[in-house]
N, C-alpha and C. Protein backbone atom coordinates (compact mmCIF):
# COMPACT_ATOMS: atom_id res chain seq x y z
N MET A 1 8.28 -16.33 -12.47
CA MET A 1 8.01 -17.22 -11.35
C MET A 1 8.66 -16.65 -10.08
N ASN A 2 8.07 -16.94 -8.95
CA ASN A 2 8.66 -16.41 -7.72
C ASN A 2 9.64 -17.40 -7.13
N GLU A 3 10.44 -16.89 -6.19
CA GLU A 3 11.53 -17.69 -5.63
C GLU A 3 11.06 -18.88 -4.81
N SER A 4 9.91 -18.76 -4.14
CA SER A 4 9.52 -19.78 -3.18
C SER A 4 8.77 -20.95 -3.79
N SER A 5 8.34 -20.86 -5.02
CA SER A 5 7.59 -21.95 -5.63
C SER A 5 7.58 -21.79 -7.13
N GLN A 6 6.87 -22.69 -7.78
CA GLN A 6 6.74 -22.61 -9.22
C GLN A 6 5.52 -21.79 -9.64
N LEU A 7 4.83 -21.21 -8.69
CA LEU A 7 3.66 -20.39 -9.00
C LEU A 7 4.11 -19.03 -9.52
N PRO A 8 3.33 -18.43 -10.42
CA PRO A 8 3.67 -17.07 -10.84
C PRO A 8 3.49 -16.10 -9.68
N PRO A 9 4.16 -14.96 -9.71
CA PRO A 9 4.00 -13.99 -8.62
C PRO A 9 2.55 -13.52 -8.52
N LEU A 10 2.12 -13.28 -7.30
CA LEU A 10 0.80 -12.69 -7.07
C LEU A 10 0.87 -11.21 -7.39
N ARG A 11 -0.17 -10.68 -7.98
CA ARG A 11 -0.19 -9.27 -8.39
C ARG A 11 -1.01 -8.47 -7.40
N VAL A 12 -0.37 -7.46 -6.78
CA VAL A 12 -1.00 -6.65 -5.74
C VAL A 12 -0.99 -5.19 -6.15
N LEU A 13 -2.15 -4.55 -6.06
CA LEU A 13 -2.29 -3.13 -6.34
C LEU A 13 -2.71 -2.41 -5.07
N PHE A 14 -1.96 -1.37 -4.70
CA PHE A 14 -2.32 -0.52 -3.56
C PHE A 14 -2.95 0.76 -4.10
N LEU A 15 -4.09 1.13 -3.52
CA LEU A 15 -4.80 2.34 -3.96
C LEU A 15 -4.97 3.32 -2.81
N CYS A 16 -4.80 4.60 -3.12
CA CYS A 16 -5.20 5.67 -2.22
C CYS A 16 -5.68 6.83 -3.08
N THR A 17 -6.00 7.92 -2.48
CA THR A 17 -6.58 9.02 -3.24
C THR A 17 -5.56 9.64 -4.20
N HIS A 18 -4.43 10.09 -3.67
CA HIS A 18 -3.49 10.85 -4.49
C HIS A 18 -2.31 10.04 -5.03
N ASN A 19 -2.12 8.84 -4.55
CA ASN A 19 -0.98 8.02 -4.97
C ASN A 19 0.34 8.78 -4.81
N SER A 20 0.41 9.57 -3.74
CA SER A 20 1.62 10.35 -3.51
C SER A 20 2.31 9.98 -2.20
N ALA A 21 1.65 9.20 -1.35
CA ALA A 21 2.24 8.87 -0.05
C ALA A 21 1.97 7.41 0.32
N ARG A 22 0.81 7.12 0.92
CA ARG A 22 0.53 5.80 1.47
C ARG A 22 0.69 4.67 0.47
N SER A 23 0.04 4.77 -0.66
CA SER A 23 0.11 3.67 -1.64
C SER A 23 1.51 3.54 -2.23
N GLN A 24 2.22 4.65 -2.35
CA GLN A 24 3.60 4.59 -2.84
C GLN A 24 4.50 3.85 -1.84
N VAL A 25 4.32 4.17 -0.55
CA VAL A 25 5.10 3.50 0.50
C VAL A 25 4.79 2.01 0.52
N ALA A 26 3.50 1.66 0.45
CA ALA A 26 3.12 0.25 0.46
C ALA A 26 3.70 -0.49 -0.74
N GLU A 27 3.63 0.13 -1.91
CA GLU A 27 4.21 -0.50 -3.11
C GLU A 27 5.71 -0.74 -2.93
N ALA A 28 6.42 0.28 -2.46
CA ALA A 28 7.87 0.16 -2.29
C ALA A 28 8.23 -0.93 -1.28
N LEU A 29 7.50 -0.97 -0.16
CA LEU A 29 7.81 -1.95 0.88
C LEU A 29 7.52 -3.38 0.42
N LEU A 30 6.36 -3.61 -0.21
CA LEU A 30 6.06 -4.97 -0.65
C LEU A 30 7.00 -5.40 -1.77
N GLN A 31 7.34 -4.47 -2.63
CA GLN A 31 8.30 -4.79 -3.69
C GLN A 31 9.63 -5.25 -3.08
N ARG A 32 10.09 -4.55 -2.05
CA ARG A 32 11.36 -4.88 -1.40
C ARG A 32 11.25 -6.17 -0.59
N LYS A 33 10.24 -6.24 0.28
CA LYS A 33 10.12 -7.37 1.20
C LYS A 33 9.61 -8.64 0.54
N GLY A 34 8.86 -8.49 -0.55
CA GLY A 34 8.25 -9.64 -1.20
C GLY A 34 9.21 -10.54 -1.93
N ARG A 35 10.38 -10.04 -2.25
CA ARG A 35 11.46 -10.83 -2.88
C ARG A 35 10.98 -11.70 -4.03
N GLY A 36 10.25 -11.09 -4.95
CA GLY A 36 9.83 -11.81 -6.14
C GLY A 36 8.53 -12.58 -6.03
N ARG A 37 7.97 -12.66 -4.83
CA ARG A 37 6.69 -13.38 -4.67
C ARG A 37 5.52 -12.57 -5.21
N PHE A 38 5.73 -11.26 -5.39
CA PHE A 38 4.64 -10.37 -5.79
C PHE A 38 5.09 -9.43 -6.90
N GLU A 39 4.16 -9.12 -7.79
CA GLU A 39 4.31 -7.98 -8.70
C GLU A 39 3.43 -6.91 -8.09
N VAL A 40 3.98 -5.72 -7.89
CA VAL A 40 3.29 -4.71 -7.11
C VAL A 40 3.12 -3.43 -7.91
N GLY A 41 1.98 -2.80 -7.72
CA GLY A 41 1.71 -1.50 -8.32
C GLY A 41 0.94 -0.63 -7.35
N SER A 42 0.78 0.62 -7.72
CA SER A 42 -0.04 1.53 -6.93
C SER A 42 -0.66 2.55 -7.87
N ALA A 43 -1.76 3.13 -7.42
CA ALA A 43 -2.46 4.14 -8.21
C ALA A 43 -3.34 4.97 -7.29
N GLY A 44 -3.89 6.05 -7.85
CA GLY A 44 -4.75 6.92 -7.08
C GLY A 44 -6.04 7.24 -7.80
N THR A 45 -7.07 7.50 -7.01
CA THR A 45 -8.36 7.88 -7.59
C THR A 45 -8.31 9.32 -8.11
N GLU A 46 -7.47 10.15 -7.50
CA GLU A 46 -7.25 11.54 -7.93
C GLU A 46 -5.75 11.81 -7.80
N PRO A 47 -4.92 11.28 -8.70
CA PRO A 47 -3.47 11.34 -8.49
C PRO A 47 -2.91 12.76 -8.41
N ALA A 48 -1.96 12.91 -7.51
CA ALA A 48 -1.23 14.17 -7.34
C ALA A 48 -0.24 14.33 -8.49
N PRO A 49 0.32 15.51 -8.65
CA PRO A 49 1.31 15.70 -9.72
C PRO A 49 2.66 15.02 -9.45
N ARG A 50 2.94 14.73 -8.16
CA ARG A 50 4.23 14.11 -7.84
C ARG A 50 4.13 13.32 -6.55
N VAL A 51 5.07 12.40 -6.37
CA VAL A 51 5.19 11.69 -5.11
C VAL A 51 5.67 12.70 -4.07
N HIS A 52 5.10 12.65 -2.89
CA HIS A 52 5.49 13.59 -1.84
C HIS A 52 6.98 13.45 -1.55
N PRO A 53 7.73 14.56 -1.50
CA PRO A 53 9.18 14.47 -1.29
C PRO A 53 9.58 13.79 0.02
N VAL A 54 8.76 13.90 1.07
CA VAL A 54 9.10 13.23 2.32
C VAL A 54 8.97 11.72 2.17
N VAL A 55 8.09 11.24 1.30
CA VAL A 55 8.01 9.80 1.02
C VAL A 55 9.33 9.32 0.43
N VAL A 56 9.84 10.05 -0.54
CA VAL A 56 11.13 9.68 -1.14
C VAL A 56 12.21 9.66 -0.08
N GLU A 57 12.18 10.63 0.82
CA GLU A 57 13.17 10.72 1.90
C GLU A 57 13.08 9.54 2.87
N VAL A 58 11.87 9.24 3.36
CA VAL A 58 11.75 8.16 4.35
C VAL A 58 12.02 6.79 3.71
N LEU A 59 11.70 6.63 2.45
CA LEU A 59 12.06 5.38 1.78
C LEU A 59 13.57 5.28 1.59
N ARG A 60 14.21 6.39 1.29
CA ARG A 60 15.68 6.39 1.16
C ARG A 60 16.32 5.98 2.49
N GLU A 61 15.74 6.43 3.60
CA GLU A 61 16.24 6.04 4.93
C GLU A 61 16.17 4.52 5.12
N GLN A 62 15.26 3.87 4.40
CA GLN A 62 15.12 2.41 4.47
C GLN A 62 15.94 1.70 3.38
N GLY A 63 16.73 2.46 2.65
CA GLY A 63 17.54 1.88 1.59
C GLY A 63 16.79 1.65 0.29
N ILE A 64 15.66 2.33 0.11
CA ILE A 64 14.84 2.17 -1.10
C ILE A 64 14.90 3.47 -1.89
N ASP A 65 15.40 3.39 -3.12
CA ASP A 65 15.44 4.56 -3.99
C ASP A 65 14.11 4.69 -4.72
N TRP A 66 13.34 5.69 -4.38
CA TRP A 66 12.02 5.89 -4.98
C TRP A 66 11.99 7.17 -5.80
N SER A 67 13.17 7.75 -6.04
CA SER A 67 13.22 8.97 -6.83
C SER A 67 12.80 8.65 -8.27
N GLY A 68 12.15 9.57 -8.90
CA GLY A 68 11.70 9.37 -10.27
C GLY A 68 10.36 8.68 -10.41
N LYS A 69 9.79 8.20 -9.31
CA LYS A 69 8.46 7.56 -9.38
C LYS A 69 7.40 8.64 -9.51
N ARG A 70 6.32 8.31 -10.20
CA ARG A 70 5.24 9.26 -10.44
C ARG A 70 3.90 8.66 -10.02
N PRO A 71 3.00 9.46 -9.50
CA PRO A 71 1.64 8.98 -9.22
C PRO A 71 0.95 8.57 -10.52
N LYS A 72 0.09 7.55 -10.41
CA LYS A 72 -0.63 7.05 -11.57
C LYS A 72 -2.13 7.05 -11.28
N PRO A 73 -2.93 7.29 -12.30
CA PRO A 73 -4.38 7.18 -12.12
C PRO A 73 -4.82 5.72 -12.17
N ILE A 74 -5.95 5.43 -11.55
CA ILE A 74 -6.50 4.08 -11.61
C ILE A 74 -6.66 3.62 -13.06
N SER A 75 -7.03 4.53 -13.93
CA SER A 75 -7.27 4.15 -15.33
C SER A 75 -6.04 3.52 -15.98
N SER A 76 -4.85 3.84 -15.49
CA SER A 76 -3.63 3.29 -16.10
C SER A 76 -3.37 1.84 -15.67
N VAL A 77 -4.05 1.37 -14.63
CA VAL A 77 -3.82 0.00 -14.14
C VAL A 77 -5.09 -0.82 -14.08
N TRP A 78 -6.21 -0.21 -14.41
CA TRP A 78 -7.52 -0.83 -14.22
C TRP A 78 -7.67 -2.16 -14.94
N GLY A 79 -7.22 -2.30 -16.15
CA GLY A 79 -7.43 -3.53 -16.92
C GLY A 79 -6.42 -4.63 -16.66
N GLU A 80 -5.45 -4.39 -15.79
CA GLU A 80 -4.43 -5.40 -15.53
C GLU A 80 -4.99 -6.52 -14.64
N PRO A 81 -4.40 -7.70 -14.73
CA PRO A 81 -4.92 -8.85 -13.97
C PRO A 81 -4.43 -8.89 -12.52
N TRP A 82 -4.99 -8.04 -11.67
CA TRP A 82 -4.59 -7.99 -10.26
C TRP A 82 -5.22 -9.14 -9.50
N ASP A 83 -4.44 -9.75 -8.62
CA ASP A 83 -4.97 -10.77 -7.71
C ASP A 83 -5.57 -10.11 -6.47
N PHE A 84 -4.94 -9.03 -6.02
CA PHE A 84 -5.37 -8.33 -4.81
C PHE A 84 -5.36 -6.83 -5.05
N VAL A 85 -6.38 -6.14 -4.57
CA VAL A 85 -6.43 -4.69 -4.57
C VAL A 85 -6.62 -4.28 -3.12
N ILE A 86 -5.65 -3.52 -2.59
CA ILE A 86 -5.69 -3.10 -1.19
C ILE A 86 -5.78 -1.58 -1.14
N THR A 87 -6.87 -1.08 -0.59
CA THR A 87 -7.01 0.37 -0.42
C THR A 87 -6.39 0.75 0.91
N VAL A 88 -5.67 1.88 0.91
CA VAL A 88 -5.00 2.32 2.13
C VAL A 88 -5.55 3.66 2.63
N CYS A 89 -6.66 4.09 2.05
CA CYS A 89 -7.36 5.27 2.57
C CYS A 89 -8.86 5.08 2.36
N ASP A 90 -9.62 5.69 3.25
CA ASP A 90 -11.08 5.52 3.22
C ASP A 90 -11.70 6.05 1.94
N ARG A 91 -11.24 7.21 1.47
CA ARG A 91 -11.84 7.78 0.25
C ARG A 91 -11.65 6.86 -0.95
N ALA A 92 -10.47 6.28 -1.09
CA ALA A 92 -10.24 5.37 -2.21
C ALA A 92 -11.09 4.12 -2.07
N SER A 93 -11.26 3.67 -0.84
CA SER A 93 -12.09 2.49 -0.60
C SER A 93 -13.53 2.75 -1.02
N GLU A 94 -14.02 3.93 -0.70
CA GLU A 94 -15.41 4.29 -1.02
C GLU A 94 -15.63 4.51 -2.51
N SER A 95 -14.59 4.97 -3.22
CA SER A 95 -14.77 5.29 -4.64
C SER A 95 -14.07 4.29 -5.57
N CYS A 96 -13.62 3.19 -5.02
CA CYS A 96 -12.90 2.20 -5.82
C CYS A 96 -13.85 1.56 -6.84
N PRO A 97 -13.48 1.59 -8.11
CA PRO A 97 -14.35 0.99 -9.12
C PRO A 97 -14.25 -0.53 -9.10
N ALA A 98 -15.20 -1.16 -9.73
CA ALA A 98 -15.12 -2.61 -9.92
C ALA A 98 -14.00 -2.88 -10.92
N PHE A 99 -13.20 -3.87 -10.62
CA PHE A 99 -12.10 -4.23 -11.50
C PHE A 99 -12.47 -5.47 -12.30
N PRO A 100 -11.98 -5.56 -13.53
CA PRO A 100 -12.20 -6.80 -14.28
C PRO A 100 -11.45 -7.94 -13.60
N ARG A 101 -11.82 -9.13 -13.88
CA ARG A 101 -11.18 -10.34 -13.35
C ARG A 101 -11.37 -10.51 -11.85
N GLN A 102 -12.17 -9.67 -11.24
CA GLN A 102 -12.59 -9.80 -9.85
C GLN A 102 -11.45 -10.11 -8.87
N PRO A 103 -10.54 -9.16 -8.64
CA PRO A 103 -9.50 -9.40 -7.64
C PRO A 103 -10.09 -9.45 -6.24
N THR A 104 -9.31 -9.96 -5.31
CA THR A 104 -9.67 -9.94 -3.90
C THR A 104 -9.40 -8.54 -3.37
N PHE A 105 -10.38 -7.95 -2.67
CA PHE A 105 -10.24 -6.60 -2.13
C PHE A 105 -10.01 -6.65 -0.63
N ALA A 106 -9.19 -5.69 -0.14
CA ALA A 106 -8.98 -5.51 1.29
C ALA A 106 -8.80 -4.02 1.55
N HIS A 107 -9.01 -3.62 2.79
CA HIS A 107 -8.86 -2.21 3.16
C HIS A 107 -7.97 -2.09 4.39
N TRP A 108 -6.91 -1.29 4.25
CA TRP A 108 -6.00 -0.98 5.35
C TRP A 108 -6.01 0.54 5.55
N GLY A 109 -7.07 1.09 6.05
CA GLY A 109 -7.18 2.55 6.15
C GLY A 109 -6.14 3.17 7.05
N ILE A 110 -5.53 4.23 6.57
CA ILE A 110 -4.55 4.98 7.34
C ILE A 110 -4.68 6.45 6.92
N GLU A 111 -4.56 7.33 7.90
CA GLU A 111 -4.65 8.76 7.60
C GLU A 111 -3.49 9.17 6.70
N ASP A 112 -3.73 10.19 5.89
CA ASP A 112 -2.72 10.68 4.96
C ASP A 112 -1.66 11.47 5.72
N PRO A 113 -0.42 11.00 5.75
CA PRO A 113 0.62 11.74 6.48
C PRO A 113 0.88 13.11 5.87
N ALA A 114 0.53 13.31 4.61
CA ALA A 114 0.72 14.62 3.99
C ALA A 114 -0.21 15.67 4.60
N GLU A 115 -1.23 15.23 5.31
CA GLU A 115 -2.17 16.15 5.95
C GLU A 115 -1.87 16.34 7.43
N ALA A 116 -0.74 15.83 7.90
CA ALA A 116 -0.38 15.95 9.31
C ALA A 116 -0.19 17.42 9.69
N SER A 117 -0.57 17.73 10.92
CA SER A 117 -0.38 19.09 11.42
C SER A 117 0.85 19.12 12.32
N GLY A 118 1.21 20.31 12.74
CA GLY A 118 2.37 20.46 13.60
C GLY A 118 3.55 21.06 12.86
N ASP A 119 4.69 21.06 13.54
CA ASP A 119 5.89 21.62 12.91
C ASP A 119 6.49 20.60 11.94
N GLU A 120 7.56 20.99 11.29
CA GLU A 120 8.20 20.14 10.28
C GLU A 120 8.60 18.78 10.84
N GLN A 121 9.16 18.76 12.03
CA GLN A 121 9.57 17.50 12.65
C GLN A 121 8.37 16.59 12.91
N GLN A 122 7.28 17.14 13.37
CA GLN A 122 6.07 16.35 13.63
C GLN A 122 5.48 15.81 12.33
N ARG A 123 5.52 16.62 11.27
CA ARG A 123 5.00 16.14 9.99
C ARG A 123 5.88 15.01 9.43
N ARG A 124 7.18 15.13 9.55
CA ARG A 124 8.07 14.05 9.10
C ARG A 124 7.83 12.77 9.92
N ARG A 125 7.60 12.95 11.21
CA ARG A 125 7.31 11.80 12.06
C ARG A 125 6.05 11.08 11.57
N ALA A 126 5.06 11.83 11.12
CA ALA A 126 3.83 11.22 10.60
C ALA A 126 4.13 10.31 9.41
N PHE A 127 5.03 10.71 8.54
CA PHE A 127 5.41 9.87 7.40
C PHE A 127 6.15 8.62 7.86
N ARG A 128 7.04 8.78 8.83
CA ARG A 128 7.77 7.62 9.34
C ARG A 128 6.82 6.64 10.05
N GLU A 129 5.86 7.17 10.79
CA GLU A 129 4.88 6.31 11.45
C GLU A 129 4.00 5.59 10.44
N ALA A 130 3.63 6.26 9.37
CA ALA A 130 2.85 5.61 8.31
C ALA A 130 3.66 4.49 7.69
N LEU A 131 4.94 4.73 7.46
CA LEU A 131 5.81 3.69 6.91
C LEU A 131 5.89 2.50 7.86
N THR A 132 6.07 2.77 9.15
CA THR A 132 6.14 1.68 10.13
C THR A 132 4.84 0.89 10.17
N TYR A 133 3.73 1.58 10.16
CA TYR A 133 2.42 0.92 10.17
C TYR A 133 2.26 0.02 8.94
N LEU A 134 2.56 0.56 7.77
CA LEU A 134 2.42 -0.23 6.54
C LEU A 134 3.42 -1.37 6.50
N SER A 135 4.61 -1.15 7.03
CA SER A 135 5.61 -2.22 7.06
C SER A 135 5.14 -3.39 7.91
N ARG A 136 4.53 -3.11 9.04
CA ARG A 136 3.99 -4.18 9.89
C ARG A 136 2.86 -4.93 9.18
N ARG A 137 1.99 -4.20 8.50
CA ARG A 137 0.90 -4.84 7.76
C ARG A 137 1.46 -5.75 6.67
N ILE A 138 2.47 -5.28 5.98
CA ILE A 138 3.06 -6.08 4.90
C ILE A 138 3.77 -7.30 5.47
N ASP A 139 4.42 -7.17 6.61
CA ASP A 139 5.03 -8.34 7.24
C ASP A 139 3.98 -9.40 7.55
N LEU A 140 2.83 -8.96 8.07
CA LEU A 140 1.74 -9.91 8.35
C LEU A 140 1.21 -10.53 7.05
N MET A 141 1.11 -9.73 6.02
CA MET A 141 0.66 -10.23 4.72
C MET A 141 1.62 -11.29 4.19
N LEU A 142 2.91 -11.03 4.32
CA LEU A 142 3.91 -11.96 3.80
C LEU A 142 3.89 -13.30 4.52
N ALA A 143 3.36 -13.32 5.74
CA ALA A 143 3.29 -14.57 6.50
C ALA A 143 2.09 -15.43 6.10
N LEU A 144 1.17 -14.88 5.32
CA LEU A 144 -0.01 -15.64 4.91
C LEU A 144 0.35 -16.73 3.90
N PRO A 145 -0.24 -17.90 4.04
CA PRO A 145 0.03 -19.00 3.10
C PRO A 145 -0.87 -18.90 1.85
N PHE A 146 -0.58 -17.92 1.00
CA PHE A 146 -1.45 -17.67 -0.15
C PHE A 146 -1.64 -18.90 -1.03
N GLU A 147 -0.63 -19.75 -1.11
CA GLU A 147 -0.72 -20.93 -1.97
C GLU A 147 -1.85 -21.87 -1.54
N SER A 148 -2.19 -21.85 -0.24
CA SER A 148 -3.21 -22.78 0.25
C SER A 148 -4.49 -22.09 0.73
N LEU A 149 -4.55 -20.77 0.67
CA LEU A 149 -5.74 -20.05 1.13
C LEU A 149 -6.78 -19.95 0.03
N ALA A 150 -8.01 -20.23 0.39
CA ALA A 150 -9.12 -19.98 -0.54
C ALA A 150 -9.30 -18.47 -0.66
N ARG A 151 -9.88 -18.04 -1.75
CA ARG A 151 -10.05 -16.61 -2.02
C ARG A 151 -10.73 -15.88 -0.86
N ARG A 152 -11.82 -16.40 -0.35
CA ARG A 152 -12.56 -15.74 0.72
C ARG A 152 -11.72 -15.67 2.00
N ALA A 153 -10.99 -16.71 2.31
CA ALA A 153 -10.12 -16.70 3.49
C ALA A 153 -9.01 -15.67 3.34
N ALA A 154 -8.45 -15.55 2.15
CA ALA A 154 -7.41 -14.55 1.91
C ALA A 154 -7.98 -13.15 2.11
N GLU A 155 -9.18 -12.90 1.60
CA GLU A 155 -9.82 -11.60 1.76
C GLU A 155 -10.06 -11.29 3.24
N GLU A 156 -10.56 -12.26 3.98
CA GLU A 156 -10.82 -12.05 5.41
C GLU A 156 -9.53 -11.75 6.17
N ARG A 157 -8.48 -12.50 5.87
CA ARG A 157 -7.22 -12.29 6.59
C ARG A 157 -6.57 -10.96 6.23
N LEU A 158 -6.63 -10.58 4.95
CA LEU A 158 -6.06 -9.30 4.55
C LEU A 158 -6.83 -8.14 5.19
N ASN A 159 -8.14 -8.24 5.25
CA ASN A 159 -8.93 -7.19 5.91
C ASN A 159 -8.64 -7.15 7.41
N ALA A 160 -8.48 -8.31 8.04
CA ALA A 160 -8.16 -8.35 9.47
C ALA A 160 -6.83 -7.66 9.75
N ILE A 161 -5.88 -7.79 8.85
CA ILE A 161 -4.59 -7.11 9.01
C ILE A 161 -4.79 -5.60 9.12
N GLY A 162 -5.71 -5.08 8.32
CA GLY A 162 -5.96 -3.64 8.33
C GLY A 162 -6.84 -3.15 9.45
N GLU A 163 -7.46 -4.06 10.19
CA GLU A 163 -8.39 -3.66 11.25
C GLU A 163 -7.72 -3.40 12.59
N ASP A 164 -6.45 -3.67 12.73
CA ASP A 164 -5.75 -3.45 13.99
C ASP A 164 -5.55 -1.96 14.19
N THR A 165 -6.48 -1.32 14.90
CA THR A 165 -6.44 0.13 15.06
C THR A 165 -5.50 0.59 16.18
N GLU A 166 -5.06 -0.30 17.05
CA GLU A 166 -4.18 0.11 18.14
C GLU A 166 -2.86 0.67 17.63
N GLU A 167 -2.37 0.13 16.52
CA GLU A 167 -1.09 0.57 16.00
C GLU A 167 -1.22 1.68 14.97
N ARG A 168 -2.43 2.02 14.59
CA ARG A 168 -2.64 3.02 13.54
C ARG A 168 -2.17 4.38 14.02
N PRO A 169 -1.28 5.02 13.28
CA PRO A 169 -0.76 6.32 13.72
C PRO A 169 -1.82 7.41 13.63
N SER A 170 -1.70 8.37 14.51
CA SER A 170 -2.58 9.54 14.49
C SER A 170 -1.78 10.73 13.97
N LEU A 171 -2.43 11.60 13.25
CA LEU A 171 -1.74 12.75 12.68
C LEU A 171 -1.77 13.97 13.60
N ARG A 172 -2.36 13.82 14.76
CA ARG A 172 -2.41 14.95 15.68
C ARG A 172 -1.05 15.13 16.35
N PRO A 173 -0.60 16.38 16.50
CA PRO A 173 0.70 16.61 17.14
C PRO A 173 0.72 16.09 18.57
N VAL A 174 1.85 15.59 18.98
CA VAL A 174 2.01 15.05 20.33
C VAL A 174 2.52 16.13 21.25
């Protein structure tokens, strides 16, 4: 049960292509900020062999130990009873399979910070900006009254959170 009510925690799955950066950051942040209101997972449509080392570094800067985490394929989480599936990259959104139990889907597209160009400092900045972007989205998500929202309203609001393109980081060097 979660801290704020007698309802069981909502189950949220974040998906991206490699499950090495964006979805890992989103999982870590919601796990930390959700304070028991959510059970959180992440997976990839084509998982990488490891979580990107800069992800581990930027999460450590936030006080989150993410060392030892591994990317997972969708097949490892597909049959679980997810309430929400949130894609954080366009490729995963396009190739996302139908899930059993019909979770609510949303899309928060963000460029892969692992593909950022520029020098080392600029590439690290891309990871920090992705973390900031996802952190803001998760803060907005946490403010939603899930206990009283109908499924369709929850889907619309979660998608609206991801549509704010003004704050979306760009991977082009500054």
